[in-house]
Protein backbone atom coordinates (compact mmCIF):
# COMPACT_ATOMS: atom_id res chain seq x y z
CA UNK A 1 -18.24 -25.06 1.24
CA UNK A 2 -16.20 -26.60 -1.56
CA UNK A 3 -13.80 -24.37 -3.43
CA UNK A 4 -14.79 -23.87 -7.05
CA UNK A 5 -12.47 -22.15 -9.50
CA UNK A 6 -13.93 -21.20 -12.85
CA UNK A 7 -11.70 -19.41 -15.39
CA UNK A 8 -13.45 -16.50 -17.08
CA UNK A 9 -12.71 -14.31 -20.06
CA UNK A 10 -12.30 -10.60 -19.41
CA UNK A 11 -14.14 -7.94 -21.36
CA UNK A 12 -12.45 -6.78 -24.60
CA UNK A 13 -10.30 -3.67 -24.33
CA UNK A 14 -9.74 -3.85 -20.57
CA UNK A 15 -6.18 -3.33 -19.28
CA UNK A 16 -4.73 -6.01 -17.02
CA UNK A 17 -1.38 -7.37 -15.92
CA UNK A 18 0.20 -9.64 -18.50
CA UNK A 19 0.36 -12.72 -16.25
CA UNK A 20 -3.24 -12.90 -15.01
CA UNK A 21 -6.12 -15.35 -14.77
CA UNK A 22 -9.70 -14.79 -13.66
CA UNK A 23 -11.48 -17.08 -11.21
CA UNK A 24 -14.75 -17.27 -9.34
CA UNK A 25 -14.60 -17.70 -5.57
CA UNK A 26 -17.70 -19.00 -3.77
CA UNK A 27 -18.84 -17.11 -0.68
CA UNK A 28 -21.79 -17.45 1.68
CA UNK A 29 -23.54 -14.76 -0.37
CA UNK A 30 -22.79 -15.89 -3.91
CA UNK A 31 -19.67 -16.26 -6.02
CA UNK A 32 -17.42 -13.26 -6.64
CA UNK A 33 -14.95 -12.85 -9.47
CA UNK A 34 -11.29 -12.21 -8.86
CA UNK A 35 -8.18 -11.74 -10.98
CA UNK A 36 -4.98 -13.51 -9.97
CA UNK A 37 -1.75 -11.79 -11.00
CA UNK A 38 1.73 -13.23 -11.02
CA UNK A 39 3.41 -15.97 -8.98
CA UNK A 40 4.96 -16.06 -5.54
CA UNK A 41 4.73 -17.56 -2.07
CA UNK A 42 3.35 -14.31 -0.67
CA UNK A 43 -0.19 -13.50 -1.77
CA UNK A 44 -1.73 -10.04 -1.43
CA UNK A 45 -5.53 -10.07 -1.56
CA UNK A 46 -6.84 -6.57 -2.22
CA UNK A 47 -10.43 -5.36 -2.21
CA UNK A 48 -11.68 -2.28 -4.00
CA UNK A 49 -13.14 0.99 -2.73
CA UNK A 50 -16.87 1.55 -2.22
CA UNK A 51 -17.38 3.11 -5.65
CA UNK A 52 -15.04 0.88 -7.63
CA UNK A 53 -14.52 -2.76 -8.48
CA UNK A 54 -11.62 -5.13 -9.02
CA UNK A 55 -10.91 -3.51 -12.39
CA UNK A 56 -10.07 -0.16 -10.76
CA UNK A 57 -7.08 1.05 -12.77
CA UNK A 58 -4.92 1.89 -9.74
CA UNK A 59 -5.37 -1.60 -8.30
CA UNK A 60 -4.65 -3.33 -11.61
CA UNK A 61 -1.46 -1.35 -12.18
CA UNK A 62 -0.29 -2.00 -8.62
CA UNK A 63 -1.02 -5.70 -9.09
CA UNK A 64 1.12 -5.63 -12.23
CA UNK A 65 3.99 -3.94 -10.38
CA UNK A 66 3.82 -6.29 -7.39
CA UNK A 67 3.61 -9.35 -9.63
CA UNK A 68 6.81 -8.18 -11.32
CA UNK A 69 8.40 -8.32 -7.86
CA UNK A 70 7.52 -12.02 -7.42
CA UNK A 71 4.41 -11.58 -5.33
CA UNK A 72 1.04 -13.00 -6.29
CA UNK A 73 -1.92 -10.61 -6.11
CA UNK A 74 -5.66 -11.28 -5.98
CA UNK A 75 -8.01 -8.41 -6.83
CA UNK A 76 -11.54 -9.34 -5.85
CA UNK A 77 -15.07 -8.04 -6.07
CA UNK A 78 -17.70 -8.01 -3.37
CA UNK A 79 -21.22 -9.41 -3.92
CA UNK A 80 -22.76 -5.99 -4.53
CA UNK A 81 -20.29 -5.11 -7.27
CA UNK A 82 -20.68 -8.54 -8.79
CA UNK A 83 -24.44 -7.84 -9.00
CA UNK A 84 -23.73 -4.32 -10.33
CA UNK A 85 -25.40 -2.65 -7.37
CA UNK A 86 -24.18 0.76 -6.21
CA UNK A 87 -24.68 0.43 -2.45
CA UNK A 88 -22.14 -1.71 -0.57
CA UNK A 89 -23.26 -4.87 1.18
CA UNK A 90 -23.64 -4.97 4.95
CA UNK A 91 -20.33 -5.22 6.84
CA UNK A 92 -20.89 -8.87 7.73
CA UNK A 93 -21.28 -9.75 4.04
CA UNK A 94 -18.18 -7.79 3.06
CA UNK A 95 -16.14 -9.38 5.85
CA UNK A 96 -17.33 -12.87 4.89
CA UNK A 97 -16.16 -12.18 1.35
CA UNK A 98 -12.67 -11.28 2.56
CA UNK A 99 -12.61 -14.51 4.58
CA UNK A 100 -13.59 -16.54 1.50
CA UNK A 101 -10.89 -14.87 -0.59
CA UNK A 102 -8.33 -15.53 2.16
CA UNK A 103 -9.33 -19.22 2.23
CA UNK A 104 -8.93 -19.39 -1.56
CA UNK A 105 -5.45 -17.85 -1.30
CA UNK A 106 -4.31 -20.38 1.26
CA UNK A 107 -5.97 -23.52 -0.15
CA UNK A 108 -6.07 -23.03 -3.91
CA UNK A 109 -2.99 -20.85 -4.35
CA UNK A 110 -0.91 -22.36 -1.56
CA UNK A 111 0.00 -19.02 0.00
CA UNK A 112 2.65 -19.41 2.68
CA UNK A 113 2.13 -15.77 3.65
CA UNK A 114 -1.09 -13.81 3.17
CA UNK A 115 -1.38 -10.03 3.21
CA UNK A 116 -4.89 -8.58 3.14
CA UNK A 117 -6.07 -5.05 2.42
CA UNK A 118 -7.16 -2.87 -0.42
CA UNK A 119 -8.31 0.55 -1.50
CA UNK A 120 -10.27 2.59 1.06
CA UNK A 121 -13.30 0.48 2.04
CA UNK A 122 -11.58 -2.70 0.86
CA UNK A 123 -8.74 -2.17 3.30
CA UNK A 124 -11.04 -1.19 6.16
CA UNK A 125 -13.18 -4.30 5.70
CA UNK A 126 -10.08 -6.50 5.62
CA UNK A 127 -8.92 -4.95 8.88
CA UNK A 128 -12.31 -5.61 10.49
CA UNK A 129 -12.16 -9.26 9.43
CA UNK A 130 -8.64 -9.64 10.84
CA UNK A 131 -9.63 -7.90 14.07
CA UNK A 132 -12.35 -10.54 14.44
CA UNK A 133 -9.87 -13.39 14.10
CA UNK A 134 -9.10 -13.92 10.39
CA UNK A 135 -5.42 -14.87 10.10
CA UNK A 136 -3.15 -12.67 8.03
CA UNK A 137 0.59 -12.04 8.03
CA UNK A 138 0.07 -8.37 7.25
CA UNK A 139 -2.32 -5.66 6.10
CA UNK A 140 -1.86 -3.02 3.40
CA UNK A 141 -4.18 0.00 3.35
CA UNK A 142 -4.36 2.14 0.22
CA UNK A 143 -5.99 5.27 1.58
CA UNK A 144 -7.45 4.08 4.89
CA UNK A 145 -10.82 5.85 5.41
CA UNK A 146 -10.29 6.93 9.01
CA UNK A 147 -13.40 9.12 8.97
CA UNK A 148 -15.96 10.46 6.48
CA UNK A 149 -14.86 13.78 4.95
CA UNK A 150 -15.36 16.55 7.47
CA UNK A 151 -16.71 14.17 10.15
CA UNK A 152 -13.74 14.10 12.47
CA UNK A 153 -15.88 12.81 15.33
CA UNK A 154 -16.59 9.52 13.51
CA UNK A 155 -13.29 7.70 13.62
CA UNK A 156 -13.12 4.14 12.30
CA UNK A 157 -10.22 3.02 14.46
CA UNK A 158 -11.49 1.11 17.51
CA UNK A 159 -10.92 -2.34 16.00
CA UNK A 160 -7.36 -1.61 14.87
CA UNK A 161 -5.95 -2.14 18.36
CA UNK A 162 -7.11 -5.78 18.20
CA UNK A 163 -4.85 -6.49 15.20
CA UNK A 164 -1.45 -8.00 15.98
CA UNK A 165 -0.23 -8.30 12.37
CA UNK A 166 1.95 -5.53 10.91
CA UNK A 167 0.05 -2.83 9.01
CA UNK A 168 1.15 -0.50 6.22
CA UNK A 169 -0.84 2.69 5.75
CA UNK A 170 -0.23 4.33 2.35
CA UNK A 171 -1.92 7.70 2.68
CA UNK A 172 -2.11 10.90 0.69
CA UNK A 173 -1.04 13.90 2.78
CA UNK A 174 -4.24 15.76 1.79
CA UNK A 175 -6.62 12.81 2.02
CA UNK A 176 -10.07 14.13 3.02
CA UNK A 177 -10.80 10.74 4.64
CA UNK A 178 -7.85 10.89 7.04
CA UNK A 179 -6.84 14.18 8.62
CA UNK A 180 -3.10 13.96 9.15
CA UNK A 181 -3.03 14.74 12.88
CA UNK A 182 -5.85 12.29 13.63
CA UNK A 183 -4.15 9.55 11.63
CA UNK A 184 -0.85 10.22 13.39
CA UNK A 185 -2.54 9.85 16.78
CA UNK A 186 -4.18 6.56 15.79
CA UNK A 187 -0.96 5.12 14.38
CA UNK A 188 0.96 6.28 17.45
CA UNK A 189 -1.35 4.16 19.56
CA UNK A 190 -0.60 1.11 17.44
CA UNK A 191 3.14 1.34 18.04
CA UNK A 192 5.53 -0.59 15.82
CA UNK A 193 2.67 -2.60 14.30
CA UNK A 194 1.86 0.37 12.07
CA UNK A 195 3.97 1.93 9.33
CA UNK A 196 2.96 5.07 7.46
CA UNK A 197 4.01 5.94 3.94
CA UNK A 198 2.78 9.43 3.14
CA UNK A 199 2.28 10.42 -0.49
CA UNK A 200 3.12 14.12 -0.45
CA UNK A 201 0.26 16.17 -1.90
CA UNK A 202 -1.81 13.07 -2.59
CA UNK A 203 -5.58 12.92 -2.21
CA UNK A 204 -7.64 9.85 -1.27
CA UNK A 205 -6.69 8.16 -4.56
CA UNK A 206 -3.10 9.51 -4.53
CA UNK A 207 -3.83 12.17 -7.12
CA UNK A 208 -1.43 15.12 -6.79
CA UNK A 209 -1.83 18.71 -8.06
CA UNK A 210 -0.36 19.47 -11.48
CA UNK A 211 1.89 22.10 -9.97
CA UNK A 212 3.93 19.35 -8.32
CA UNK A 213 5.11 18.26 -11.76
CA UNK A 214 4.58 14.62 -10.85
CA UNK A 215 2.78 12.34 -13.29
CA UNK A 216 0.29 9.72 -12.00
CA UNK A 217 2.66 6.97 -13.13
CA UNK A 218 5.40 8.39 -10.91
CA UNK A 219 3.11 8.46 -7.88
CA UNK A 220 1.94 4.91 -8.52
CA UNK A 221 5.55 3.77 -8.84
CA UNK A 222 6.23 5.35 -5.44
CA UNK A 223 3.28 3.51 -3.91
CA UNK A 224 4.34 0.18 -5.40
CA UNK A 225 7.93 0.68 -4.22
CA UNK A 226 6.74 1.50 -0.70
CA UNK A 227 4.69 -1.70 -0.56
CA UNK A 228 7.55 -3.83 -1.91
CA UNK A 229 10.02 -2.32 0.57
CA UNK A 230 7.63 -2.95 3.47
CA UNK A 231 7.04 -6.56 2.39
CA UNK A 232 10.74 -7.20 1.89
CA UNK A 233 11.62 -5.81 5.32
CA UNK A 234 9.23 -8.36 6.83
CA UNK A 235 10.34 -11.26 4.62
CA UNK A 236 6.94 -11.38 2.98
């Protein structure tokens, strides 16, 4: 399939990083839109959570922060969000989308290092694609959904052992999708491939109680700094 890049205009009033362009990336299941932020030899391609899209405020602000640190970031949709459907596509469709975005990053953007991941579902799908053989120099999970809330018997971890690339798990300490002891056990089994950055008091989207006195911007700055430090330590 030939790569086709079509610049698009964003909707009025939306908030995006200053240095950003919008493209369309063809996939086996239709083109998806993506925003490309910043410049840099390392490209982070991040997918959104099941109920969001590439305009999710947290992702856009993180892209802005990472772009300021000389990394290039792609925030991409999946076919179902592009079609404005509520239910996610089947896993094979989601994984094929990640593969298409990865190919775009390497061919069109000339990425010398590619880090895949995303928010919740977006990160999990990226990990499944990599476990099945998609090449990546690293993975970043923003709230990895280890299990559905309250369903501690339904862990989504079997494929993680097949990943050889380094993985960063950014997780709220009170995330209902990842009970702390279960996550610790999973990461322990992955050895030095896995790094955990725990956001104290954070929920699945890193929201913290007001009593902590921490503003959302402070928490997001912590998350961005953790990602940058992890990338820098690995020369990414």
